[in-house]
Amino acid sequence: MARPRQHAPEALHAQVMAASDAWLQGNPVHTLSLRALAREVGCAPSTLLKLYGSFGNLLQHVNIETLARLRTVIEPLTEGASPERQLNALALAYWQFAQREPYRWQLLFDYPLAQEGELDQRQSDMIEALFLRVEASLKEYQPALGDLEARRLGRTLWGSVHGLVQLGLNERLGYWQGQQLEVGELLDQLLATILAGLRNRSNIA
């Protein structure tokens, strides 16, 4: 039997990420395996275990790539726009990303994130950056909003956005007069309601 090809770690990592991406374009993560990836990149499964430590760690690297892609999509959306338009654009981009990358999305939220070490820190930093963008837009919209209130409201708002996106992907939002409710319209209504409440608040906790 021929010996597996030798790979530099950086090159092998890039190949594994590309193979994972190709797989997740049309298949859910539960169909992916270490053996299948090793076969795709032309190495032994033990080589991947040596590189990543475990199949779980490999999947965490895929999650980091997903978060990086999401960041690339949302970063330009807050430049030069009003805070209301920023929040609407962020929410819509979040939904559209989940539609385009449903199996990456599934992996990101159905598979536990890393719990310690560099992977955990990198994932946490990327997620925190998204929350900070939402918080900054809320504080720009309502300057009287305090730091703690903005942090709480930002997470409450984005938790609601995420819930609508998840239900929309699973087609669990229900129907009105025979037509399925549209995620984009519900996101608009959610943001309009929260921003109207912020605009009309006389006392900021």
N, C-alpha and C. Protein backbone atom coordinates (compact mmCIF):
# COMPACT_ATOMS: atom_id res chain seq x y z
N MET A 1 0.85 -1.19 0.00
CA MET A 1 0.00 0.00 0.00
C MET A 1 0.88 1.24 0.00
N ALA A 2 0.54 2.24 -0.81
CA ALA A 2 1.35 3.44 -0.92
C ALA A 2 1.32 4.23 0.37
N ARG A 3 2.43 4.86 0.71
CA ARG A 3 2.50 5.71 1.90
C ARG A 3 1.72 7.00 1.65
N PRO A 4 1.02 7.53 2.66
CA PRO A 4 0.31 8.80 2.48
C PRO A 4 1.29 9.91 2.09
N ARG A 5 0.79 10.87 1.32
CA ARG A 5 1.64 12.00 0.96
C ARG A 5 1.98 12.81 2.20
N GLN A 6 3.17 13.39 2.20
CA GLN A 6 3.59 14.24 3.31
C GLN A 6 3.09 15.67 3.09
N HIS A 7 2.66 16.32 4.14
CA HIS A 7 2.12 17.67 4.03
C HIS A 7 2.75 18.56 5.09
N ALA A 8 3.06 19.80 4.71
CA ALA A 8 3.40 20.80 5.71
C ALA A 8 2.13 21.13 6.49
N PRO A 9 2.24 21.39 7.81
CA PRO A 9 1.03 21.64 8.61
C PRO A 9 0.14 22.73 8.05
N GLU A 10 0.72 23.87 7.62
CA GLU A 10 -0.10 24.97 7.11
C GLU A 10 -0.82 24.57 5.84
N ALA A 11 -0.12 23.88 4.96
CA ALA A 11 -0.74 23.45 3.71
C ALA A 11 -1.83 22.42 3.96
N LEU A 12 -1.56 21.52 4.87
CA LEU A 12 -2.56 20.49 5.19
C LEU A 12 -3.79 21.12 5.82
N HIS A 13 -3.58 22.07 6.71
CA HIS A 13 -4.72 22.76 7.33
C HIS A 13 -5.58 23.44 6.27
N ALA A 14 -4.94 24.11 5.33
CA ALA A 14 -5.69 24.78 4.26
C ALA A 14 -6.48 23.77 3.44
N GLN A 15 -5.88 22.62 3.16
CA GLN A 15 -6.58 21.58 2.40
C GLN A 15 -7.77 21.04 3.19
N VAL A 16 -7.58 20.83 4.47
CA VAL A 16 -8.66 20.30 5.31
C VAL A 16 -9.81 21.29 5.38
N MET A 17 -9.50 22.58 5.53
CA MET A 17 -10.56 23.59 5.59
C MET A 17 -11.30 23.66 4.26
N ALA A 18 -10.56 23.55 3.14
CA ALA A 18 -11.21 23.57 1.83
C ALA A 18 -12.09 22.34 1.63
N ALA A 19 -11.61 21.17 2.08
CA ALA A 19 -12.40 19.95 1.95
C ALA A 19 -13.64 20.01 2.83
N SER A 20 -13.50 20.57 4.03
CA SER A 20 -14.65 20.72 4.93
C SER A 20 -15.67 21.65 4.32
N ASP A 21 -15.19 22.74 3.73
CA ASP A 21 -16.09 23.71 3.10
C ASP A 21 -16.86 23.05 1.96
N ALA A 22 -16.14 22.30 1.11
CA ALA A 22 -16.80 21.64 -0.01
C ALA A 22 -17.86 20.66 0.48
N TRP A 23 -17.55 19.95 1.55
CA TRP A 23 -18.51 18.98 2.11
C TRP A 23 -19.75 19.69 2.65
N LEU A 24 -19.53 20.76 3.38
CA LEU A 24 -20.64 21.44 4.03
C LEU A 24 -21.47 22.29 3.07
N GLN A 25 -21.04 22.41 1.84
CA GLN A 25 -21.86 23.09 0.84
C GLN A 25 -23.14 22.32 0.56
N GLY A 26 -23.08 20.99 0.72
CA GLY A 26 -24.26 20.21 0.38
C GLY A 26 -24.61 19.12 1.35
N ASN A 27 -23.89 19.04 2.48
CA ASN A 27 -24.11 17.94 3.43
C ASN A 27 -24.05 18.44 4.86
N PRO A 28 -24.94 17.94 5.73
CA PRO A 28 -24.88 18.34 7.14
C PRO A 28 -23.65 17.75 7.82
N VAL A 29 -23.29 18.36 8.95
CA VAL A 29 -22.03 18.00 9.60
C VAL A 29 -22.03 16.57 10.11
N HIS A 30 -23.20 16.02 10.45
CA HIS A 30 -23.19 14.66 11.01
C HIS A 30 -22.78 13.61 9.98
N THR A 31 -22.73 14.01 8.69
CA THR A 31 -22.27 13.07 7.66
C THR A 31 -20.76 13.17 7.44
N LEU A 32 -20.13 14.15 8.09
CA LEU A 32 -18.69 14.35 7.92
C LEU A 32 -17.94 13.51 8.94
N SER A 33 -16.79 13.00 8.56
CA SER A 33 -15.98 12.19 9.47
C SER A 33 -14.50 12.47 9.24
N LEU A 34 -13.72 12.12 10.23
CA LEU A 34 -12.27 12.28 10.11
C LEU A 34 -11.73 11.44 8.96
N ARG A 35 -12.25 10.23 8.83
CA ARG A 35 -11.79 9.34 7.77
C ARG A 35 -12.13 9.92 6.39
N ALA A 36 -13.33 10.47 6.25
CA ALA A 36 -13.72 11.05 4.96
C ALA A 36 -12.84 12.23 4.60
N LEU A 37 -12.54 13.09 5.57
CA LEU A 37 -11.68 14.24 5.30
C LEU A 37 -10.26 13.80 4.94
N ALA A 38 -9.76 12.79 5.68
CA ALA A 38 -8.42 12.28 5.38
C ALA A 38 -8.35 11.75 3.95
N ARG A 39 -9.40 11.08 3.54
CA ARG A 39 -9.45 10.56 2.18
C ARG A 39 -9.47 11.71 1.17
N GLU A 40 -10.19 12.77 1.47
CA GLU A 40 -10.29 13.89 0.54
C GLU A 40 -8.96 14.60 0.35
N VAL A 41 -8.17 14.70 1.42
CA VAL A 41 -6.91 15.45 1.32
C VAL A 41 -5.71 14.53 1.08
N GLY A 42 -5.94 13.22 1.05
CA GLY A 42 -4.89 12.29 0.72
C GLY A 42 -3.89 12.02 1.82
N CYS A 43 -4.39 11.86 3.05
CA CYS A 43 -3.50 11.51 4.16
C CYS A 43 -4.19 10.49 5.05
N ALA A 44 -3.48 9.99 6.02
CA ALA A 44 -4.06 9.04 6.97
C ALA A 44 -4.85 9.79 8.04
N PRO A 45 -5.92 9.19 8.58
CA PRO A 45 -6.66 9.83 9.68
C PRO A 45 -5.75 10.19 10.85
N SER A 46 -4.74 9.36 11.11
CA SER A 46 -3.83 9.63 12.22
C SER A 46 -3.06 10.93 12.01
N THR A 47 -2.82 11.30 10.74
CA THR A 47 -2.13 12.56 10.44
C THR A 47 -2.98 13.75 10.88
N LEU A 48 -4.29 13.65 10.64
CA LEU A 48 -5.19 14.73 11.06
C LEU A 48 -5.30 14.78 12.58
N LEU A 49 -5.30 13.64 13.21
CA LEU A 49 -5.34 13.63 14.67
C LEU A 49 -4.08 14.26 15.26
N LYS A 50 -2.96 14.01 14.61
CA LYS A 50 -1.71 14.62 15.07
C LYS A 50 -1.75 16.13 14.90
N LEU A 51 -2.35 16.59 13.82
CA LEU A 51 -2.41 18.02 13.54
C LEU A 51 -3.38 18.75 14.46
N TYR A 52 -4.57 18.15 14.69
CA TYR A 52 -5.62 18.85 15.43
C TYR A 52 -5.84 18.35 16.85
N GLY A 53 -5.39 17.16 17.15
CA GLY A 53 -5.60 16.60 18.48
C GLY A 53 -6.87 15.79 18.59
N SER A 54 -7.92 16.21 17.89
CA SER A 54 -9.19 15.49 17.89
C SER A 54 -10.04 15.98 16.74
N PHE A 55 -11.05 15.20 16.37
CA PHE A 55 -11.98 15.62 15.33
C PHE A 55 -12.76 16.85 15.81
N GLY A 56 -13.05 16.90 17.10
CA GLY A 56 -13.75 18.06 17.65
C GLY A 56 -12.97 19.35 17.46
N ASN A 57 -11.67 19.32 17.68
CA ASN A 57 -10.85 20.51 17.46
C ASN A 57 -10.83 20.91 16.00
N LEU A 58 -10.81 19.92 15.12
CA LEU A 58 -10.86 20.22 13.69
C LEU A 58 -12.14 21.00 13.36
N LEU A 59 -13.26 20.54 13.90
CA LEU A 59 -14.53 21.21 13.65
C LEU A 59 -14.54 22.62 14.23
N GLN A 60 -13.82 22.82 15.33
CA GLN A 60 -13.74 24.17 15.91
C GLN A 60 -13.00 25.12 14.97
N HIS A 61 -12.02 24.61 14.25
CA HIS A 61 -11.34 25.44 13.26
C HIS A 61 -12.30 25.80 12.12
N VAL A 62 -13.17 24.88 11.76
CA VAL A 62 -14.19 25.20 10.75
C VAL A 62 -15.11 26.30 11.28
N ASN A 63 -15.47 26.22 12.56
CA ASN A 63 -16.31 27.26 13.16
C ASN A 63 -15.62 28.62 13.13
N ILE A 64 -14.31 28.64 13.37
CA ILE A 64 -13.57 29.90 13.31
C ILE A 64 -13.63 30.48 11.90
N GLU A 65 -13.50 29.63 10.90
CA GLU A 65 -13.61 30.10 9.52
C GLU A 65 -15.00 30.66 9.24
N THR A 66 -16.03 30.00 9.79
CA THR A 66 -17.40 30.48 9.60
C THR A 66 -17.57 31.86 10.22
N LEU A 67 -17.07 32.04 11.44
CA LEU A 67 -17.17 33.34 12.11
C LEU A 67 -16.39 34.41 11.34
N ALA A 68 -15.25 34.03 10.78
CA ALA A 68 -14.46 34.98 9.99
C ALA A 68 -15.23 35.40 8.73
N ARG A 69 -15.91 34.46 8.10
CA ARG A 69 -16.72 34.77 6.92
C ARG A 69 -17.86 35.72 7.29
N LEU A 70 -18.50 35.44 8.41
CA LEU A 70 -19.59 36.30 8.86
C LEU A 70 -19.08 37.70 9.14
N ARG A 71 -17.91 37.80 9.77
CA ARG A 71 -17.32 39.11 10.06
C ARG A 71 -17.04 39.87 8.77
N THR A 72 -16.54 39.17 7.76
CA THR A 72 -16.25 39.80 6.47
C THR A 72 -17.52 40.36 5.84
N VAL A 73 -18.63 39.66 6.04
CA VAL A 73 -19.91 40.11 5.47
C VAL A 73 -20.43 41.34 6.20
N ILE A 74 -20.33 41.36 7.53
CA ILE A 74 -20.99 42.43 8.29
C ILE A 74 -20.12 43.67 8.50
N GLU A 75 -18.80 43.53 8.40
CA GLU A 75 -17.93 44.67 8.69
C GLU A 75 -18.23 45.91 7.86
N PRO A 76 -18.47 45.77 6.55
CA PRO A 76 -18.72 46.99 5.76
C PRO A 76 -20.08 47.63 6.02
N LEU A 77 -20.97 46.94 6.71
CA LEU A 77 -22.36 47.40 6.79
C LEU A 77 -22.56 48.57 7.73
N THR A 78 -21.61 48.81 8.63
CA THR A 78 -21.79 49.88 9.61
C THR A 78 -21.07 51.16 9.22
N GLU A 79 -20.50 51.19 8.03
CA GLU A 79 -19.73 52.36 7.60
C GLU A 79 -20.64 53.41 6.97
N GLY A 80 -20.73 54.56 7.63
CA GLY A 80 -21.43 55.70 7.05
C GLY A 80 -22.94 55.66 7.08
N ALA A 81 -23.53 54.64 7.70
CA ALA A 81 -24.99 54.53 7.74
C ALA A 81 -25.51 55.00 9.09
N SER A 82 -26.80 55.36 9.12
CA SER A 82 -27.43 55.70 10.39
C SER A 82 -27.50 54.45 11.26
N PRO A 83 -27.59 54.61 12.58
CA PRO A 83 -27.65 53.43 13.44
C PRO A 83 -28.84 52.52 13.14
N GLU A 84 -29.96 53.11 12.75
CA GLU A 84 -31.12 52.30 12.40
C GLU A 84 -30.83 51.44 11.17
N ARG A 85 -30.22 52.05 10.17
CA ARG A 85 -29.87 51.30 8.95
C ARG A 85 -28.78 50.26 9.25
N GLN A 86 -27.86 50.59 10.14
CA GLN A 86 -26.82 49.64 10.52
C GLN A 86 -27.45 48.37 11.10
N LEU A 87 -28.35 48.55 12.05
CA LEU A 87 -28.96 47.40 12.70
C LEU A 87 -29.80 46.58 11.74
N ASN A 88 -30.54 47.25 10.87
CA ASN A 88 -31.33 46.52 9.88
C ASN A 88 -30.43 45.74 8.92
N ALA A 89 -29.33 46.36 8.51
CA ALA A 89 -28.41 45.70 7.60
C ALA A 89 -27.72 44.50 8.26
N LEU A 90 -27.34 44.66 9.52
CA LEU A 90 -26.71 43.56 10.24
C LEU A 90 -27.66 42.37 10.38
N ALA A 91 -28.90 42.65 10.76
CA ALA A 91 -29.87 41.57 10.94
C ALA A 91 -30.15 40.86 9.62
N LEU A 92 -30.32 41.62 8.55
CA LEU A 92 -30.60 41.02 7.24
C LEU A 92 -29.40 40.21 6.76
N ALA A 93 -28.19 40.74 6.96
CA ALA A 93 -26.99 40.02 6.54
C ALA A 93 -26.84 38.71 7.32
N TYR A 94 -27.21 38.73 8.59
CA TYR A 94 -27.17 37.54 9.43
C TYR A 94 -28.08 36.45 8.86
N TRP A 95 -29.28 36.86 8.49
CA TRP A 95 -30.25 35.93 7.91
C TRP A 95 -29.78 35.41 6.56
N GLN A 96 -29.30 36.29 5.72
CA GLN A 96 -28.85 35.87 4.39
C GLN A 96 -27.64 34.95 4.46
N PHE A 97 -26.75 35.20 5.41
CA PHE A 97 -25.59 34.33 5.58
C PHE A 97 -26.05 32.93 5.97
N ALA A 98 -26.99 32.85 6.90
CA ALA A 98 -27.50 31.54 7.34
C ALA A 98 -28.17 30.81 6.18
N GLN A 99 -28.85 31.53 5.31
CA GLN A 99 -29.47 30.91 4.14
C GLN A 99 -28.44 30.37 3.17
N ARG A 100 -27.37 31.13 2.96
CA ARG A 100 -26.33 30.71 2.01
C ARG A 100 -25.49 29.56 2.54
N GLU A 101 -25.28 29.54 3.87
CA GLU A 101 -24.36 28.56 4.47
C GLU A 101 -25.09 27.75 5.56
N PRO A 102 -26.18 27.06 5.21
CA PRO A 102 -27.00 26.43 6.26
C PRO A 102 -26.27 25.36 7.06
N TYR A 103 -25.39 24.60 6.42
CA TYR A 103 -24.71 23.52 7.15
C TYR A 103 -23.55 24.04 7.98
N ARG A 104 -22.87 25.08 7.50
CA ARG A 104 -21.89 25.74 8.36
C ARG A 104 -22.60 26.36 9.57
N TRP A 105 -23.72 26.96 9.32
CA TRP A 105 -24.52 27.58 10.38
C TRP A 105 -24.93 26.52 11.41
N GLN A 106 -25.38 25.38 10.91
CA GLN A 106 -25.77 24.29 11.80
C GLN A 106 -24.60 23.85 12.68
N LEU A 107 -23.42 23.73 12.08
CA LEU A 107 -22.25 23.34 12.84
C LEU A 107 -21.91 24.37 13.91
N LEU A 108 -22.00 25.64 13.55
CA LEU A 108 -21.63 26.71 14.47
C LEU A 108 -22.49 26.72 15.72
N PHE A 109 -23.78 26.43 15.57
CA PHE A 109 -24.68 26.56 16.71
C PHE A 109 -25.14 25.23 17.31
N ASP A 110 -25.00 24.15 16.58
CA ASP A 110 -25.40 22.85 17.13
C ASP A 110 -24.24 22.12 17.76
N TYR A 111 -23.02 22.52 17.43
CA TYR A 111 -21.84 21.84 17.98
C TYR A 111 -21.24 22.75 19.03
N PRO A 112 -20.94 22.24 20.23
CA PRO A 112 -20.40 23.09 21.30
C PRO A 112 -19.13 23.82 20.88
N LEU A 113 -19.05 25.10 21.24
CA LEU A 113 -17.84 25.85 20.97
C LEU A 113 -16.71 25.36 21.87
N ALA A 114 -15.49 25.74 21.50
CA ALA A 114 -14.33 25.35 22.30
C ALA A 114 -14.47 25.91 23.71
N GLN A 115 -13.94 25.20 24.67
CA GLN A 115 -14.11 25.57 26.07
C GLN A 115 -12.85 26.17 26.70
N GLU A 116 -11.71 26.04 26.04
CA GLU A 116 -10.48 26.56 26.63
C GLU A 116 -9.42 26.73 25.54
N GLY A 117 -8.36 27.45 25.91
CA GLY A 117 -7.21 27.58 25.02
C GLY A 117 -7.42 28.60 23.91
N GLU A 118 -6.54 28.56 22.91
CA GLU A 118 -6.53 29.53 21.84
C GLU A 118 -7.82 29.50 21.02
N LEU A 119 -8.35 28.30 20.74
CA LEU A 119 -9.58 28.20 19.96
C LEU A 119 -10.72 28.92 20.65
N ASP A 120 -10.84 28.71 21.95
CA ASP A 120 -11.89 29.36 22.73
C ASP A 120 -11.75 30.88 22.65
N GLN A 121 -10.52 31.38 22.81
CA GLN A 121 -10.30 32.82 22.80
C GLN A 121 -10.61 33.42 21.43
N ARG A 122 -10.20 32.74 20.37
CA ARG A 122 -10.45 33.26 19.03
C ARG A 122 -11.94 33.30 18.73
N GLN A 123 -12.66 32.25 19.11
CA GLN A 123 -14.11 32.23 18.89
C GLN A 123 -14.79 33.31 19.73
N SER A 124 -14.40 33.42 20.98
CA SER A 124 -15.01 34.41 21.88
C SER A 124 -14.79 35.83 21.37
N ASP A 125 -13.58 36.11 20.88
CA ASP A 125 -13.28 37.45 20.37
C ASP A 125 -14.15 37.79 19.16
N MET A 126 -14.35 36.82 18.27
CA MET A 126 -15.15 37.07 17.08
C MET A 126 -16.62 37.30 17.43
N ILE A 127 -17.14 36.50 18.36
CA ILE A 127 -18.54 36.66 18.78
C ILE A 127 -18.73 37.99 19.51
N GLU A 128 -17.78 38.33 20.37
CA GLU A 128 -17.85 39.60 21.10
C GLU A 128 -17.82 40.79 20.16
N ALA A 129 -17.05 40.69 19.08
CA ALA A 129 -16.97 41.79 18.12
C ALA A 129 -18.34 42.06 17.48
N LEU A 130 -19.10 41.01 17.22
CA LEU A 130 -20.44 41.19 16.67
C LEU A 130 -21.34 41.90 17.68
N PHE A 131 -21.30 41.45 18.94
CA PHE A 131 -22.11 42.09 19.97
C PHE A 131 -21.74 43.56 20.13
N LEU A 132 -20.45 43.87 20.07
CA LEU A 132 -20.00 45.25 20.24
C LEU A 132 -20.51 46.14 19.12
N ARG A 133 -20.61 45.60 17.91
CA ARG A 133 -21.16 46.38 16.80
C ARG A 133 -22.62 46.72 17.06
N VAL A 134 -23.36 45.74 17.55
CA VAL A 134 -24.77 45.98 17.86
C VAL A 134 -24.89 47.00 18.98
N GLU A 135 -24.09 46.85 20.03
CA GLU A 135 -24.12 47.79 21.16
C GLU A 135 -23.79 49.21 20.70
N ALA A 136 -22.77 49.35 19.86
CA ALA A 136 -22.37 50.68 19.39
C ALA A 136 -23.50 51.35 18.61
N SER A 137 -24.20 50.58 17.80
CA SER A 137 -25.31 51.14 17.02
C SER A 137 -26.45 51.57 17.93
N LEU A 138 -26.72 50.77 18.96
CA LEU A 138 -27.78 51.12 19.90
C LEU A 138 -27.44 52.40 20.66
N LYS A 139 -26.19 52.53 21.08
CA LYS A 139 -25.77 53.73 21.83
C LYS A 139 -25.74 54.96 20.93
N GLU A 140 -25.43 54.77 19.66
CA GLU A 140 -25.48 55.90 18.74
C GLU A 140 -26.92 56.34 18.52
N TYR A 141 -27.82 55.36 18.48
CA TYR A 141 -29.24 55.68 18.29
C TYR A 141 -29.82 56.38 19.52
N GLN A 142 -29.43 55.89 20.69
CA GLN A 142 -29.92 56.46 21.95
C GLN A 142 -28.71 56.74 22.85
N PRO A 143 -28.12 57.95 22.74
CA PRO A 143 -26.90 58.26 23.49
C PRO A 143 -27.05 58.16 25.00
N ALA A 144 -28.28 58.24 25.51
CA ALA A 144 -28.48 58.15 26.96
C ALA A 144 -28.34 56.72 27.48
N LEU A 145 -28.20 55.77 26.57
CA LEU A 145 -28.09 54.37 26.97
C LEU A 145 -26.74 54.13 27.66
N GLY A 146 -26.78 53.58 28.87
CA GLY A 146 -25.55 53.28 29.59
C GLY A 146 -24.87 52.03 29.06
N ASP A 147 -23.63 51.85 29.47
CA ASP A 147 -22.85 50.71 28.97
C ASP A 147 -23.50 49.37 29.32
N LEU A 148 -23.91 49.20 30.56
CA LEU A 148 -24.51 47.93 30.98
C LEU A 148 -25.84 47.71 30.27
N GLU A 149 -26.65 48.76 30.18
CA GLU A 149 -27.95 48.63 29.51
C GLU A 149 -27.75 48.29 28.04
N ALA A 150 -26.76 48.93 27.41
CA ALA A 150 -26.49 48.65 26.00
C ALA A 150 -26.03 47.20 25.83
N ARG A 151 -25.22 46.72 26.76
CA ARG A 151 -24.75 45.33 26.67
C ARG A 151 -25.92 44.37 26.79
N ARG A 152 -26.79 44.62 27.76
CA ARG A 152 -27.94 43.73 27.95
C ARG A 152 -28.88 43.80 26.75
N LEU A 153 -29.17 45.01 26.31
CA LEU A 153 -30.11 45.16 25.21
C LEU A 153 -29.54 44.59 23.91
N GLY A 154 -28.24 44.77 23.70
CA GLY A 154 -27.62 44.23 22.50
C GLY A 154 -27.75 42.72 22.43
N ARG A 155 -27.54 42.06 23.55
CA ARG A 155 -27.66 40.60 23.57
C ARG A 155 -29.12 40.15 23.50
N THR A 156 -30.00 40.92 24.12
CA THR A 156 -31.43 40.60 24.01
C THR A 156 -31.90 40.73 22.56
N LEU A 157 -31.51 41.82 21.93
CA LEU A 157 -31.89 42.05 20.54
C LEU A 157 -31.33 40.96 19.63
N TRP A 158 -30.03 40.68 19.79
CA TRP A 158 -29.44 39.71 18.86
C TRP A 158 -29.89 38.29 19.15
N GLY A 159 -30.22 38.00 20.40
CA GLY A 159 -30.82 36.70 20.69
C GLY A 159 -32.16 36.54 19.98
N SER A 160 -32.92 37.63 19.90
CA SER A 160 -34.20 37.59 19.18
C SER A 160 -33.98 37.44 17.68
N VAL A 161 -33.00 38.18 17.13
CA VAL A 161 -32.66 38.04 15.71
C VAL A 161 -32.27 36.60 15.41
N HIS A 162 -31.40 36.06 16.24
CA HIS A 162 -30.94 34.69 16.02
C HIS A 162 -32.11 33.69 16.08
N GLY A 163 -33.01 33.89 17.03
CA GLY A 163 -34.16 33.00 17.13
C GLY A 163 -35.01 33.02 15.88
N LEU A 164 -35.26 34.21 15.33
CA LEU A 164 -36.04 34.31 14.10
C LEU A 164 -35.31 33.64 12.93
N VAL A 165 -33.99 33.82 12.88
CA VAL A 165 -33.21 33.20 11.81
C VAL A 165 -33.27 31.67 11.92
N GLN A 166 -33.10 31.17 13.14
CA GLN A 166 -33.12 29.73 13.33
C GLN A 166 -34.49 29.13 12.99
N LEU A 167 -35.54 29.79 13.43
CA LEU A 167 -36.89 29.31 13.12
C LEU A 167 -37.18 29.43 11.62
N GLY A 168 -36.65 30.47 11.00
CA GLY A 168 -36.84 30.62 9.57
C GLY A 168 -36.16 29.52 8.78
N LEU A 169 -34.95 29.16 9.19
CA LEU A 169 -34.23 28.08 8.51
C LEU A 169 -34.98 26.77 8.62
N ASN A 170 -35.60 26.56 9.77
CA ASN A 170 -36.34 25.32 10.02
C ASN A 170 -37.80 25.40 9.57
N GLU A 171 -38.17 26.53 8.98
CA GLU A 171 -39.54 26.75 8.50
C GLU A 171 -40.56 26.50 9.61
N ARG A 172 -40.31 27.15 10.74
CA ARG A 172 -41.18 26.97 11.91
C ARG A 172 -41.82 28.29 12.36
N LEU A 173 -41.88 29.27 11.47
CA LEU A 173 -42.44 30.55 11.86
C LEU A 173 -43.95 30.65 11.62
N GLY A 174 -44.52 29.68 10.96
CA GLY A 174 -45.96 29.66 10.76
C GLY A 174 -46.39 30.40 9.50
N TYR A 175 -47.72 30.50 9.36
CA TYR A 175 -48.30 31.03 8.12
C TYR A 175 -49.35 32.10 8.45
N TRP A 176 -49.60 32.95 7.48
CA TRP A 176 -50.69 33.91 7.55
C TRP A 176 -51.40 33.89 6.21
N GLN A 177 -52.68 33.53 6.27
CA GLN A 177 -53.52 33.43 5.07
C GLN A 177 -52.85 32.58 4.00
N GLY A 178 -52.33 31.45 4.45
CA GLY A 178 -51.75 30.47 3.54
C GLY A 178 -50.33 30.75 3.09
N GLN A 179 -49.77 31.89 3.49
CA GLN A 179 -48.41 32.24 3.09
C GLN A 179 -47.48 32.16 4.30
N GLN A 180 -46.29 31.60 4.08
CA GLN A 180 -45.32 31.50 5.16
C GLN A 180 -44.83 32.88 5.56
N LEU A 181 -44.75 33.12 6.86
CA LEU A 181 -44.24 34.41 7.34
C LEU A 181 -42.78 34.58 6.93
N GLU A 182 -42.43 35.79 6.50
CA GLU A 182 -41.10 36.08 5.98
C GLU A 182 -40.17 36.55 7.08
N VAL A 183 -39.00 35.96 7.15
CA VAL A 183 -38.03 36.33 8.19
C VAL A 183 -37.65 37.80 8.07
N GLY A 184 -37.39 38.27 6.86
CA GLY A 184 -36.99 39.66 6.68
C GLY A 184 -38.00 40.63 7.23
N GLU A 185 -39.29 40.36 7.00
CA GLU A 185 -40.34 41.25 7.51
C GLU A 185 -40.42 41.20 9.03
N LEU A 186 -40.23 40.01 9.60
CA LEU A 186 -40.26 39.90 11.06
C LEU A 186 -39.06 40.58 11.70
N LEU A 187 -37.91 40.53 11.04
CA LEU A 187 -36.74 41.23 11.55
C LEU A 187 -36.98 42.74 11.53
N ASP A 188 -37.59 43.23 10.46
CA ASP A 188 -37.90 44.65 10.38
C ASP A 188 -38.84 45.06 11.51
N GLN A 189 -39.84 44.24 11.78
CA GLN A 189 -40.80 44.55 12.83
C GLN A 189 -40.13 44.52 14.21
N LEU A 190 -39.29 43.54 14.43
CA LEU A 190 -38.56 43.45 15.70
C LEU A 190 -37.73 44.70 15.95
N LEU A 191 -36.95 45.10 14.96
CA LEU A 191 -36.06 46.25 15.13
C LEU A 191 -36.85 47.54 15.26
N ALA A 192 -37.93 47.67 14.49
CA ALA A 192 -38.75 48.88 14.58
C ALA A 192 -39.35 49.02 15.97
N THR A 193 -39.78 47.90 16.55
CA THR A 193 -40.40 47.92 17.88
C THR A 193 -39.37 48.30 18.95
N ILE A 194 -38.19 47.69 18.89
CA ILE A 194 -37.17 47.98 19.90
C ILE A 194 -36.67 49.41 19.78
N LEU A 195 -36.45 49.87 18.56
CA LEU A 195 -35.95 51.23 18.38
C LEU A 195 -37.00 52.27 18.76
N ALA A 196 -38.26 51.98 18.50
CA ALA A 196 -39.32 52.90 18.91
C ALA A 196 -39.37 53.00 20.43
N GLY A 197 -39.20 51.85 21.08
CA GLY A 197 -39.16 51.87 22.55
C GLY A 197 -37.98 52.66 23.07
N LEU A 198 -36.83 52.51 22.45
CA LEU A 198 -35.65 53.27 22.87
C LEU A 198 -35.85 54.76 22.66
N ARG A 199 -36.43 55.11 21.54
CA ARG A 199 -36.64 56.52 21.21
C ARG A 199 -37.56 57.20 22.20
N ASN A 200 -38.54 56.44 22.69
CA ASN A 200 -39.56 57.02 23.55
C ASN A 200 -39.29 56.86 25.04
N ARG A 201 -38.18 56.26 25.38
CA ARG A 201 -37.90 56.06 26.80
C ARG A 201 -37.50 57.38 27.46
N SER A 202 -38.14 57.66 28.55
CA SER A 202 -37.79 58.87 29.28
C SER A 202 -36.76 58.59 30.37
N ASN A 203 -36.71 57.35 30.83
CA ASN A 203 -35.76 56.96 31.86
C ASN A 203 -34.96 55.77 31.38
N ILE A 204 -33.66 55.90 31.33
CA ILE A 204 -32.78 54.81 30.94
C ILE A 204 -32.19 54.21 32.20
N ALA A 205 -32.46 52.88 32.39
CA ALA A 205 -31.98 52.25 33.63
C ALA A 205 -30.48 52.20 33.63
